[in-house]
Amino acid sequence: MNSVAELLGLEPEALRDRMVDGETLADIAAAQGVEVSDLVDAIVAAISEHAAEHGREIDTEALIEKVTAVVNDEHPERPEGKDGWKDRRGLHRWGGHIGSHSSLSTT
């Protein structure tokens, strides 16, 4: 979260407060003059790099879709069946790594 806040030009607490108040990451990015696509790209890059460091392959297209949904606060319907959204934890699984990841840094 810290690096996302940095990319958006905010303190982490300010970012959290705005999200708690109901703003989406997309809303905040637009208000801060950051392209939503740049925010999505930065988060995807951080998650992809972390996965690669741990020898995991990821479906980049699916990841982009998930990150875009999270940034826009969209909640796609869960596919039917017991295997629907096998990794439904999505970004929550990587959330602890996003905030401290160097690839999200703007410096």
PDB file of N, CA and C in Angstrom:
ATOM      1  N   MET A   1       0.825  -1.194   0.000  1.00  0.00           N
ATOM      2  CA  MET A   1       0.000   0.000   0.000  1.00  0.00           C
ATOM      3  C   MET A   1       0.866   1.254   0.000  1.00  0.00           C
ATOM      4  N   ASN A   2       2.004   1.218   0.674  1.00  0.00           N
ATOM      5  CA  ASN A   2       2.856   2.409   0.740  1.00  0.00           C
ATOM      6  C   ASN A   2       3.318   2.848  -0.637  1.00  0.00           C
ATOM      7  N   SER A   3       3.729   1.898  -1.468  1.00  0.00           N
ATOM      8  CA  SER A   3       4.219   2.259  -2.795  1.00  0.00           C
ATOM      9  C   SER A   3       3.091   2.715  -3.705  1.00  0.00           C
ATOM     10  N   VAL A   4       1.907   2.140  -3.531  1.00  0.00           N
ATOM     11  CA  VAL A   4       0.753   2.600  -4.294  1.00  0.00           C
ATOM     12  C   VAL A   4       0.446   4.037  -3.882  1.00  0.00           C
ATOM     13  N   ALA A   5       0.473   4.295  -2.576  1.00  0.00           N
ATOM     14  CA  ALA A   5       0.247   5.663  -2.085  1.00  0.00           C
ATOM     15  C   ALA A   5       1.296   6.603  -2.654  1.00  0.00           C
ATOM     16  N   GLU A   6       2.547   6.155  -2.680  1.00  0.00           N
ATOM     17  CA  GLU A   6       3.624   6.989  -3.222  1.00  0.00           C
ATOM     18  C   GLU A   6       3.385   7.301  -4.698  1.00  0.00           C
ATOM     19  N   LEU A   7       2.998   6.289  -5.469  1.00  0.00           N
ATOM     20  CA  LEU A   7       2.706   6.503  -6.884  1.00  0.00           C
ATOM     21  C   LEU A   7       1.588   7.536  -7.053  1.00  0.00           C
ATOM     22  N   LEU A   8       0.638   7.520  -6.129  1.00  0.00           N
ATOM     23  CA  LEU A   8      -0.489   8.449  -6.189  1.00  0.00           C
ATOM     24  C   LEU A   8      -0.178   9.787  -5.531  1.00  0.00           C
ATOM     25  N   GLY A   9       1.024   9.917  -4.966  1.00  0.00           N
ATOM     26  CA  GLY A   9       1.414  11.179  -4.347  1.00  0.00           C
ATOM     27  C   GLY A   9       0.735  11.436  -3.016  1.00  0.00           C
ATOM     28  N   LEU A  10       0.426  10.361  -2.294  1.00  0.00           N
ATOM     29  CA  LEU A  10      -0.274  10.469  -1.019  1.00  0.00           C
ATOM     30  C   LEU A  10       0.481   9.746   0.083  1.00  0.00           C
ATOM     31  N   GLU A  11       0.217  10.124   1.304  1.00  0.00           N
ATOM     32  CA  GLU A  11       0.681   9.351   2.448  1.00  0.00           C
ATOM     33  C   GLU A  11      -0.210   8.110   2.554  1.00  0.00           C
ATOM     34  N   PRO A  12       0.345   6.981   3.007  1.00  0.00           N
ATOM     35  CA  PRO A  12      -0.465   5.758   3.108  1.00  0.00           C
ATOM     36  C   PRO A  12      -1.756   5.945   3.915  1.00  0.00           C
ATOM     37  N   GLU A  13      -1.674   6.707   5.001  1.00  0.00           N
ATOM     38  CA  GLU A  13      -2.861   6.924   5.827  1.00  0.00           C
ATOM     39  C   GLU A  13      -3.932   7.700   5.059  1.00  0.00           C
ATOM     40  N   ALA A  14      -3.509   8.663   4.271  1.00  0.00           N
ATOM     41  CA  ALA A  14      -4.456   9.445   3.467  1.00  0.00           C
ATOM     42  C   ALA A  14      -5.134   8.561   2.421  1.00  0.00           C
ATOM     43  N   LEU A  15      -4.357   7.667   1.814  1.00  0.00           N
ATOM     44  CA  LEU A  15      -4.927   6.741   0.832  1.00  0.00           C
ATOM     45  C   LEU A  15      -5.954   5.841   1.512  1.00  0.00           C
ATOM     46  N   ARG A  16      -5.601   5.259   2.647  1.00  0.00           N
ATOM     47  CA  ARG A  16      -6.537   4.404   3.382  1.00  0.00           C
ATOM     48  C   ARG A  16      -7.803   5.173   3.738  1.00  0.00           C
ATOM     49  N   ASP A  17      -7.644   6.394   4.243  1.00  0.00           N
ATOM     50  CA  ASP A  17      -8.808   7.188   4.640  1.00  0.00           C
ATOM     51  C   ASP A  17      -9.739   7.434   3.459  1.00  0.00           C
ATOM     52  N   ARG A  18      -9.167   7.763   2.308  1.00  0.00           N
ATOM     53  CA  ARG A  18      -9.994   8.032   1.132  1.00  0.00           C
ATOM     54  C   ARG A  18     -10.721   6.777   0.680  1.00  0.00           C
ATOM     55  N   MET A  19     -10.057   5.627   0.781  1.00  0.00           N
ATOM     56  CA  MET A  19     -10.702   4.376   0.399  1.00  0.00           C
ATOM     57  C   MET A  19     -11.807   4.015   1.396  1.00  0.00           C
ATOM     58  N   VAL A  20     -11.550   4.236   2.678  1.00  0.00           N
ATOM     59  CA  VAL A  20     -12.568   3.988   3.693  1.00  0.00           C
ATOM     60  C   VAL A  20     -13.778   4.892   3.465  1.00  0.00           C
ATOM     61  N   ASP A  21     -13.518   6.094   2.995  1.00  0.00           N
ATOM     62  CA  ASP A  21     -14.602   7.041   2.710  1.00  0.00           C
ATOM     63  C   ASP A  21     -15.359   6.699   1.425  1.00  0.00           C
ATOM     64  N   GLY A  22     -14.952   5.647   0.734  1.00  0.00           N
ATOM     65  CA  GLY A  22     -15.699   5.167  -0.418  1.00  0.00           C
ATOM     66  C   GLY A  22     -15.099   5.433  -1.783  1.00  0.00           C
ATOM     67  N   GLU A  23     -13.959   6.103  -1.835  1.00  0.00           N
ATOM     68  CA  GLU A  23     -13.332   6.335  -3.137  1.00  0.00           C
ATOM     69  C   GLU A  23     -12.644   5.054  -3.615  1.00  0.00           C
ATOM     70  N   THR A  24     -12.713   4.805  -4.906  1.00  0.00           N
ATOM     71  CA  THR A  24     -11.983   3.673  -5.474  1.00  0.00           C
ATOM     72  C   THR A  24     -10.559   4.114  -5.784  1.00  0.00           C
ATOM     73  N   LEU A  25      -9.687   3.153  -6.003  1.00  0.00           N
ATOM     74  CA  LEU A  25      -8.329   3.495  -6.430  1.00  0.00           C
ATOM     75  C   LEU A  25      -8.371   4.261  -7.749  1.00  0.00           C
ATOM     76  N   ALA A  26      -9.306   3.905  -8.614  1.00  0.00           N
ATOM     77  CA  ALA A  26      -9.443   4.616  -9.894  1.00  0.00           C
ATOM     78  C   ALA A  26      -9.844   6.073  -9.663  1.00  0.00           C
ATOM     79  N   ASP A  27     -10.778   6.305  -8.738  1.00  0.00           N
ATOM     80  CA  ASP A  27     -11.192   7.673  -8.409  1.00  0.00           C
ATOM     81  C   ASP A  27     -10.007   8.477  -7.888  1.00  0.00           C
ATOM     82  N   ILE A  28      -9.268   7.870  -6.991  1.00  0.00           N
ATOM     83  CA  ILE A  28      -8.136   8.553  -6.365  1.00  0.00           C
ATOM     84  C   ILE A  28      -7.054   8.836  -7.402  1.00  0.00           C
ATOM     85  N   ALA A  29      -6.779   7.850  -8.244  1.00  0.00           N
ATOM     86  CA  ALA A  29      -5.767   8.050  -9.290  1.00  0.00           C
ATOM     87  C   ALA A  29      -6.151   9.220 -10.187  1.00  0.00           C
ATOM     88  N   ALA A  30      -7.393   9.259 -10.616  1.00  0.00           N
ATOM     89  CA  ALA A  30      -7.852  10.350 -11.489  1.00  0.00           C
ATOM     90  C   ALA A  30      -7.711  11.697 -10.790  1.00  0.00           C
ATOM     91  N   ALA A  31      -8.092  11.748  -9.522  1.00  0.00           N
ATOM     92  CA  ALA A  31      -8.005  12.997  -8.766  1.00  0.00           C
ATOM     93  C   ALA A  31      -6.559  13.450  -8.570  1.00  0.00           C
ATOM     94  N   GLN A  32      -5.650  12.477  -8.548  1.00  0.00           N
ATOM     95  CA  GLN A  32      -4.230  12.782  -8.336  1.00  0.00           C
ATOM     96  C   GLN A  32      -3.483  12.979  -9.660  1.00  0.00           C
ATOM     97  N   GLY A  33      -4.193  12.875 -10.781  1.00  0.00           N
ATOM     98  CA  GLY A  33      -3.559  13.056 -12.082  1.00  0.00           C
ATOM     99  C   GLY A  33      -2.740  11.865 -12.549  1.00  0.00           C
ATOM    100  N   VAL A  34      -3.060  10.684 -12.020  1.00  0.00           N
ATOM    101  CA  VAL A  34      -2.363   9.453 -12.410  1.00  0.00           C
ATOM    102  C   VAL A  34      -3.316   8.644 -13.277  1.00  0.00           C
ATOM    103  N   GLU A  35      -2.824   8.217 -14.424  1.00  0.00           N
ATOM    104  CA  GLU A  35      -3.641   7.387 -15.313  1.00  0.00           C
ATOM    105  C   GLU A  35      -3.935   6.056 -14.631  1.00  0.00           C
ATOM    106  N   VAL A  36      -5.182   5.624 -14.700  1.00  0.00           N
ATOM    107  CA  VAL A  36      -5.574   4.354 -14.099  1.00  0.00           C
ATOM    108  C   VAL A  36      -4.748   3.214 -14.702  1.00  0.00           C
ATOM    109  N   SER A  37      -4.506   3.285 -15.994  1.00  0.00           N
ATOM    110  CA  SER A  37      -3.722   2.227 -16.647  1.00  0.00           C
ATOM    111  C   SER A  37      -2.298   2.165 -16.089  1.00  0.00           C
ATOM    112  N   ASP A  38      -1.732   3.312 -15.725  1.00  0.00           N
ATOM    113  CA  ASP A  38      -0.394   3.316 -15.118  1.00  0.00           C
ATOM    114  C   ASP A  38      -0.424   2.659 -13.743  1.00  0.00           C
ATOM    115  N   LEU A  39      -1.477   2.909 -12.986  1.00  0.00           N
ATOM    116  CA  LEU A  39      -1.624   2.289 -11.672  1.00  0.00           C
ATOM    117  C   LEU A  39      -1.772   0.777 -11.814  1.00  0.00           C
ATOM    118  N   VAL A  40      -2.630   0.350 -12.721  1.00  0.00           N
ATOM    119  CA  VAL A  40      -2.824  -1.087 -12.971  1.00  0.00           C
ATOM    120  C   VAL A  40      -1.507  -1.711 -13.406  1.00  0.00           C
ATOM    121  N   ASP A  41      -0.809  -1.080 -14.347  1.00  0.00           N
ATOM    122  CA  ASP A  41       0.467  -1.618 -14.835  1.00  0.00           C
ATOM    123  C   ASP A  41       1.480  -1.762 -13.707  1.00  0.00           C
ATOM    124  N   ALA A  42       1.540  -0.787 -12.818  1.00  0.00           N
ATOM    125  CA  ALA A  42       2.500  -0.831 -11.719  1.00  0.00           C
ATOM    126  C   ALA A  42       2.176  -1.961 -10.749  1.00  0.00           C
ATOM    127  N   ILE A  43       0.906  -2.146 -10.432  1.00  0.00           N
ATOM    128  CA  ILE A  43       0.510  -3.221  -9.523  1.00  0.00           C
ATOM    129  C   ILE A  43       0.765  -4.575 -10.169  1.00  0.00           C
ATOM    130  N   VAL A  44       0.405  -4.714 -11.439  1.00  0.00           N
ATOM    131  CA  VAL A  44       0.633  -5.978 -12.156  1.00  0.00           C
ATOM    132  C   VAL A  44       2.127  -6.286 -12.218  1.00  0.00           C
ATOM    133  N   ALA A  45       2.944  -5.292 -12.491  1.00  0.00           N
ATOM    134  CA  ALA A  45       4.394  -5.500 -12.547  1.00  0.00           C
ATOM    135  C   ALA A  45       4.934  -5.972 -11.203  1.00  0.00           C
ATOM    136  N   ALA A  46       4.461  -5.374 -10.124  1.00  0.00           N
ATOM    137  CA  ALA A  46       4.923  -5.758  -8.789  1.00  0.00           C
ATOM    138  C   ALA A  46       4.535  -7.189  -8.463  1.00  0.00           C
ATOM    139  N   ILE A  47       3.293  -7.542  -8.753  1.00  0.00           N
ATOM    140  CA  ILE A  47       2.830  -8.903  -8.468  1.00  0.00           C
ATOM    141  C   ILE A  47       3.570  -9.907  -9.352  1.00  0.00           C
ATOM    142  N   SER A  48       3.741  -9.583 -10.624  1.00  0.00           N
ATOM    143  CA  SER A  48       4.444 -10.483 -11.551  1.00  0.00           C
ATOM    144  C   SER A  48       5.884 -10.704 -11.129  1.00  0.00           C
ATOM    145  N   GLU A  49       6.550  -9.628 -10.719  1.00  0.00           N
ATOM    146  CA  GLU A  49       7.935  -9.748 -10.280  1.00  0.00           C
ATOM    147  C   GLU A  49       8.030 -10.601  -9.019  1.00  0.00           C
ATOM    148  N   HIS A  50       7.119 -10.384  -8.099  1.00  0.00           N
ATOM    149  CA  HIS A  50       7.112 -11.168  -6.863  1.00  0.00           C
ATOM    150  C   HIS A  50       6.888 -12.653  -7.179  1.00  0.00           C
ATOM    151  N   ALA A  51       5.944 -12.927  -8.069  1.00  0.00           N
ATOM    152  CA  ALA A  51       5.669 -14.312  -8.452  1.00  0.00           C
ATOM    153  C   ALA A  51       6.904 -14.956  -9.077  1.00  0.00           C
ATOM    154  N   ALA A  52       7.565 -14.232  -9.968  1.00  0.00           N
ATOM    155  CA  ALA A  52       8.762 -14.758 -10.632  1.00  0.00           C
ATOM    156  C   ALA A  52       9.877 -15.030  -9.622  1.00  0.00           C
ATOM    157  N   GLU A  53      10.024 -14.145  -8.644  1.00  0.00           N
ATOM    158  CA  GLU A  53      11.044 -14.346  -7.609  1.00  0.00           C
ATOM    159  C   GLU A  53      10.809 -15.623  -6.818  1.00  0.00           C
ATOM    160  N   HIS A  54       9.553 -16.060  -6.772  1.00  0.00           N
ATOM    161  CA  HIS A  54       9.199 -17.258  -6.025  1.00  0.00           C
ATOM    162  C   HIS A  54       8.921 -18.448  -6.945  1.00  0.00           C
ATOM    163  N   GLY A  55       9.372 -18.334  -8.198  1.00  0.00           N
ATOM    164  CA  GLY A  55       9.249 -19.443  -9.141  1.00  0.00           C
ATOM    165  C   GLY A  55       7.830 -19.767  -9.556  1.00  0.00           C
ATOM    166  N   ARG A  56       6.943 -18.800  -9.477  1.00  0.00           N
ATOM    167  CA  ARG A  56       5.556 -19.046  -9.843  1.00  0.00           C
ATOM    168  C   ARG A  56       5.246 -18.386 -11.179  1.00  0.00           C
ATOM    169  N   GLU A  57       4.520 -19.110 -11.989  1.00  0.00           N
ATOM    170  CA  GLU A  57       4.044 -18.546 -13.243  1.00  0.00           C
ATOM    171  C   GLU A  57       2.632 -18.036 -13.018  1.00  0.00           C
ATOM    172  N   ILE A  58       2.318 -16.922 -13.642  1.00  0.00           N
ATOM    173  CA  ILE A  58       0.969 -16.386 -13.513  1.00  0.00           C
ATOM    174  C   ILE A  58       0.405 -16.084 -14.887  1.00  0.00           C
ATOM    175  N   ASP A  59      -0.897 -16.075 -14.943  1.00  0.00           N
ATOM    176  CA  ASP A  59      -1.610 -15.720 -16.164  1.00  0.00           C
ATOM    177  C   ASP A  59      -1.734 -14.200 -16.159  1.00  0.00           C
ATOM    178  N   THR A  60      -0.893 -13.532 -16.923  1.00  0.00           N
ATOM    179  CA  THR A  60      -0.829 -12.077 -16.901  1.00  0.00           C
ATOM    180  C   THR A  60      -2.157 -11.445 -17.309  1.00  0.00           C
ATOM    181  N   GLU A  61      -2.807 -11.999 -18.320  1.00  0.00           N
ATOM    182  CA  GLU A  61      -4.086 -11.435 -18.754  1.00  0.00           C
ATOM    183  C   GLU A  61      -5.126 -11.519 -17.646  1.00  0.00           C
ATOM    184  N   ALA A  62      -5.169 -12.651 -16.957  1.00  0.00           N
ATOM    185  CA  ALA A  62      -6.122 -12.809 -15.856  1.00  0.00           C
ATOM    186  C   ALA A  62      -5.764 -11.861 -14.711  1.00  0.00           C
ATOM    187  N   LEU A  63      -4.470 -11.701 -14.462  1.00  0.00           N
ATOM    188  CA  LEU A  63      -4.034 -10.793 -13.406  1.00  0.00           C
ATOM    189  C   LEU A  63      -4.426  -9.353 -13.726  1.00  0.00           C
ATOM    190  N   ILE A  64      -4.214  -8.942 -14.965  1.00  0.00           N
ATOM    191  CA  ILE A  64      -4.600  -7.588 -15.371  1.00  0.00           C
ATOM    192  C   ILE A  64      -6.096  -7.388 -15.157  1.00  0.00           C
ATOM    193  N   GLU A  65      -6.880  -8.400 -15.501  1.00  0.00           N
ATOM    194  CA  GLU A  65      -8.333  -8.322 -15.319  1.00  0.00           C
ATOM    195  C   GLU A  65      -8.692  -8.173 -13.842  1.00  0.00           C
ATOM    196  N   LYS A  66      -8.042  -8.966 -12.984  1.00  0.00           N
ATOM    197  CA  LYS A  66      -8.317  -8.892 -11.547  1.00  0.00           C
ATOM    198  C   LYS A  66      -7.903  -7.549 -10.970  1.00  0.00           C
ATOM    199  N   VAL A  67      -6.709  -7.096 -11.321  1.00  0.00           N
ATOM    200  CA  VAL A  67      -6.212  -5.826 -10.794  1.00  0.00           C
ATOM    201  C   VAL A  67      -7.112  -4.678 -11.263  1.00  0.00           C
ATOM    202  N   THR A  68      -7.484  -4.699 -12.517  1.00  0.00           N
ATOM    203  CA  THR A  68      -8.371  -3.659 -13.050  1.00  0.00           C
ATOM    204  C   THR A  68      -9.696  -3.653 -12.290  1.00  0.00           C
ATOM    205  N   ALA A  69     -10.228  -4.835 -12.004  1.00  0.00           N
ATOM    206  CA  ALA A  69     -11.483  -4.922 -11.243  1.00  0.00           C
ATOM    207  C   ALA A  69     -11.313  -4.349  -9.842  1.00  0.00           C
ATOM    208  N   VAL A  70     -10.195  -4.665  -9.186  1.00  0.00           N
ATOM    209  CA  VAL A  70      -9.957  -4.153  -7.834  1.00  0.00           C
ATOM    210  C   VAL A  70      -9.794  -2.635  -7.860  1.00  0.00           C
ATOM    211  N   VAL A  71      -9.015  -2.130  -8.795  1.00  0.00           N
ATOM    212  CA  VAL A  71      -8.770  -0.689  -8.896  1.00  0.00           C
ATOM    213  C   VAL A  71     -10.087   0.064  -9.127  1.00  0.00           C
ATOM    214  N   ASN A  72     -10.984  -0.531  -9.901  1.00  0.00           N
ATOM    215  CA  ASN A  72     -12.269   0.097 -10.206  1.00  0.00           C
ATOM    216  C   ASN A  72     -13.375  -0.319  -9.238  1.00  0.00           C
ATOM    217  N   ASP A  73     -13.027  -1.120  -8.222  1.00  0.00           N
ATOM    218  CA  ASP A  73     -13.972  -1.623  -7.224  1.00  0.00           C
ATOM    219  C   ASP A  73     -15.137  -2.361  -7.875  1.00  0.00           C
ATOM    220  N   GLU A  74     -14.796  -3.172  -8.878  1.00  0.00           N
ATOM    221  CA  GLU A  74     -15.795  -4.001  -9.542  1.00  0.00           C
ATOM    222  C   GLU A  74     -15.692  -5.402  -8.967  1.00  0.00           C
ATOM    223  N   HIS A  75     -16.814  -6.049  -8.869  1.00  0.00           N
ATOM    224  CA  HIS A  75     -16.836  -7.395  -8.306  1.00  0.00           C
ATOM    225  C   HIS A  75     -17.477  -8.342  -9.306  1.00  0.00           C
ATOM    226  N   PRO A  76     -16.640  -8.937 -10.181  1.00  0.00           N
ATOM    227  CA  PRO A  76     -17.203  -9.843 -11.178  1.00  0.00           C
ATOM    228  C   PRO A  76     -17.861 -11.041 -10.512  1.00  0.00           C
ATOM    229  N   GLU A  77     -18.871 -11.576 -11.165  1.00  0.00           N
ATOM    230  CA  GLU A  77     -19.556 -12.736 -10.621  1.00  0.00           C
ATOM    231  C   GLU A  77     -18.617 -13.921 -10.587  1.00  0.00           C
ATOM    232  N   ARG A  78     -18.772 -14.730  -9.570  1.00  0.00           N
ATOM    233  CA  ARG A  78     -17.962 -15.938  -9.443  1.00  0.00           C
ATOM    234  C   ARG A  78     -18.478 -16.982 -10.427  1.00  0.00           C
ATOM    235  N   PRO A  79     -17.563 -17.569 -11.199  1.00  0.00           N
ATOM    236  CA  PRO A  79     -17.985 -18.620 -12.128  1.00  0.00           C
ATOM    237  C   PRO A  79     -18.634 -19.781 -11.377  1.00  0.00           C
ATOM    238  N   GLU A  80     -19.578 -20.444 -12.041  1.00  0.00           N
ATOM    239  CA  GLU A  80     -20.265 -21.573 -11.440  1.00  0.00           C
ATOM    240  C   GLU A  80     -19.322 -22.758 -11.271  1.00  0.00           C
ATOM    241  N   GLY A  81     -19.642 -23.628 -10.362  1.00  0.00           N
ATOM    242  CA  GLY A  81     -18.884 -24.856 -10.177  1.00  0.00           C
ATOM    243  C   GLY A  81     -17.885 -24.752  -9.041  1.00  0.00           C
ATOM    244  N   LYS A  82     -17.440 -25.909  -8.575  1.00  0.00           N
ATOM    245  CA  LYS A  82     -16.558 -25.920  -7.416  1.00  0.00           C
ATOM    246  C   LYS A  82     -15.180 -25.348  -7.714  1.00  0.00           C
ATOM    247  N   ASP A  83     -14.770 -25.311  -8.985  1.00  0.00           N
ATOM    248  CA  ASP A  83     -13.452 -24.781  -9.319  1.00  0.00           C
ATOM    249  C   ASP A  83     -13.495 -23.328  -9.769  1.00  0.00           C
ATOM    250  N   GLY A  84     -14.659 -22.713  -9.714  1.00  0.00           N
ATOM    251  CA  GLY A  84     -14.751 -21.314 -10.115  1.00  0.00           C
ATOM    252  C   GLY A  84     -13.824 -20.460  -9.264  1.00  0.00           C
ATOM    253  N   TRP A  85     -13.026 -19.631  -9.922  1.00  0.00           N
ATOM    254  CA  TRP A  85     -12.067 -18.737  -9.260  1.00  0.00           C
ATOM    255  C   TRP A  85     -11.163 -19.510  -8.321  1.00  0.00           C
ATOM    256  N   LYS A  86     -10.439 -20.475  -8.854  1.00  0.00           N
ATOM    257  CA  LYS A  86      -9.554 -21.285  -8.016  1.00  0.00           C
ATOM    258  C   LYS A  86      -8.694 -20.419  -7.105  1.00  0.00           C
ATOM    259  N   ASP A  87      -8.181 -19.341  -7.640  1.00  0.00           N
ATOM    260  CA  ASP A  87      -7.355 -18.457  -6.829  1.00  0.00           C
ATOM    261  C   ASP A  87      -8.146 -17.186  -6.561  1.00  0.00           C
ATOM    262  N   ARG A  88      -9.300 -17.342  -5.977  1.00  0.00           N
ATOM    263  CA  ARG A  88     -10.207 -16.215  -5.804  1.00  0.00           C
ATOM    264  C   ARG A  88      -9.675 -15.208  -4.806  1.00  0.00           C
ATOM    265  N   ARG A  89      -8.622 -15.585  -4.083  1.00  0.00           N
ATOM    266  CA  ARG A  89      -8.012 -14.632  -3.159  1.00  0.00           C
ATOM    267  C   ARG A  89      -7.378 -13.485  -3.920  1.00  0.00           C
ATOM    268  N   GLY A  90      -7.074 -13.727  -5.184  1.00  0.00           N
ATOM    269  CA  GLY A  90      -6.583 -12.682  -6.067  1.00  0.00           C
ATOM    270  C   GLY A  90      -5.529 -11.798  -5.434  1.00  0.00           C
ATOM    271  N   LEU A  91      -5.782 -10.514  -5.416  1.00  0.00           N
ATOM    272  CA  LEU A  91      -4.808  -9.559  -4.910  1.00  0.00           C
ATOM    273  C   LEU A  91      -4.603  -9.677  -3.408  1.00  0.00           C
ATOM    274  N   HIS A  92      -5.604 -10.176  -2.691  1.00  0.00           N
ATOM    275  CA  HIS A  92      -5.437 -10.297  -1.247  1.00  0.00           C
ATOM    276  C   HIS A  92      -4.230 -11.180  -0.936  1.00  0.00           C
ATOM    277  N   ARG A  93      -4.025 -12.174  -1.766  1.00  0.00           N
ATOM    278  CA  ARG A  93      -2.903 -13.081  -1.576  1.00  0.00           C
ATOM    279  C   ARG A  93      -1.577 -12.340  -1.719  1.00  0.00           C
ATOM    280  N   TRP A  94      -1.535 -11.356  -2.591  1.00  0.00           N
ATOM    281  CA  TRP A  94      -0.300 -10.629  -2.856  1.00  0.00           C
ATOM    282  C   TRP A  94      -0.240  -9.297  -2.134  1.00  0.00           C
ATOM    283  N   GLY A  95      -1.332  -8.916  -1.493  1.00  0.00           N
ATOM    284  CA  GLY A  95      -1.438  -7.592  -0.904  1.00  0.00           C
ATOM    285  C   GLY A  95      -0.307  -7.215   0.020  1.00  0.00           C
ATOM    286  N   GLY A  96       0.204  -8.167   0.784  1.00  0.00           N
ATOM    287  CA  GLY A  96       1.293  -7.860   1.696  1.00  0.00           C
ATOM    288  C   GLY A  96       2.579  -7.524   0.980  1.00  0.00           C
ATOM    289  N   HIS A  97       2.665  -7.908  -0.278  1.00  0.00           N
ATOM    290  CA  HIS A  97       3.889  -7.678  -1.040  1.00  0.00           C
ATOM    291  C   HIS A  97       3.809  -6.433  -1.899  1.00  0.00           C
ATOM    292  N   ILE A  98       2.609  -5.986  -2.191  1.00  0.00           N
ATOM    293  CA  ILE A  98       2.447  -4.827  -3.073  1.00  0.00           C
ATOM    294  C   ILE A  98       3.017  -3.579  -2.413  1.00  0.00           C
ATOM    295  N   GLY A  99       2.664  -3.369  -1.161  1.00  0.00           N
ATOM    296  CA  GLY A  99       3.020  -2.126  -0.503  1.00  0.00           C
ATOM    297  C   GLY A  99       4.498  -1.899  -0.348  1.00  0.00           C
ATOM    298  N   SER A 100       5.272  -2.947  -0.273  1.00  0.00           N
ATOM    299  CA  SER A 100       6.698  -2.775  -0.031  1.00  0.00           C
ATOM    300  C   SER A 100       7.518  -3.037  -1.282  1.00  0.00           C
ATOM    301  N   HIS A 101       6.865  -3.182  -2.405  1.00  0.00           N
ATOM    302  CA  HIS A 101       7.578  -3.601  -3.600  1.00  0.00           C
ATOM    303  C   HIS A 101       8.208  -2.443  -4.339  1.00  0.00           C
ATOM    304  N   SER A 102       9.459  -2.589  -4.673  1.00  0.00           N
ATOM    305  CA  SER A 102      10.214  -1.504  -5.286  1.00  0.00           C
ATOM    306  C   SER A 102       9.714  -1.131  -6.667  1.00  0.00           C
ATOM    307  N   SER A 103       9.087  -2.037  -7.406  1.00  0.00           N
ATOM    308  CA  SER A 103       8.680  -1.710  -8.767  1.00  0.00           C
ATOM    309  C   SER A 103       7.511  -0.736  -8.800  1.00  0.00           C
ATOM    310  N   LEU A 104       6.881  -0.491  -7.652  1.00  0.00           N
ATOM    311  CA  LEU A 104       5.819   0.495  -7.620  1.00  0.00           C
ATOM    312  C   LEU A 104       6.342   1.870  -7.263  1.00  0.00           C
ATOM    313  N   SER A 105       7.598   1.950  -6.944  1.00  0.00           N
ATOM    314  CA  SER A 105       8.169   3.220  -6.543  1.00  0.00           C
ATOM    315  C   SER A 105       8.264   4.148  -7.748  1.00  0.00           C
ATOM    316  N   THR A 106       8.046   5.424  -7.496  1.00  0.00           N
ATOM    317  CA  THR A 106       8.110   6.399  -8.583  1.00  0.00           C
ATOM    318  C   THR A 106       9.488   7.034  -8.681  1.00  0.00           C
ATOM    319  N   THR A 107      10.405   6.651  -7.808  1.00  0.00           N
ATOM    320  CA  THR A 107      11.743   7.221  -7.836  1.00  0.00           C
ATOM    321  C   THR A 107      12.721   6.248  -8.439  1.00  0.00           C
TER     322      THR A 107
END
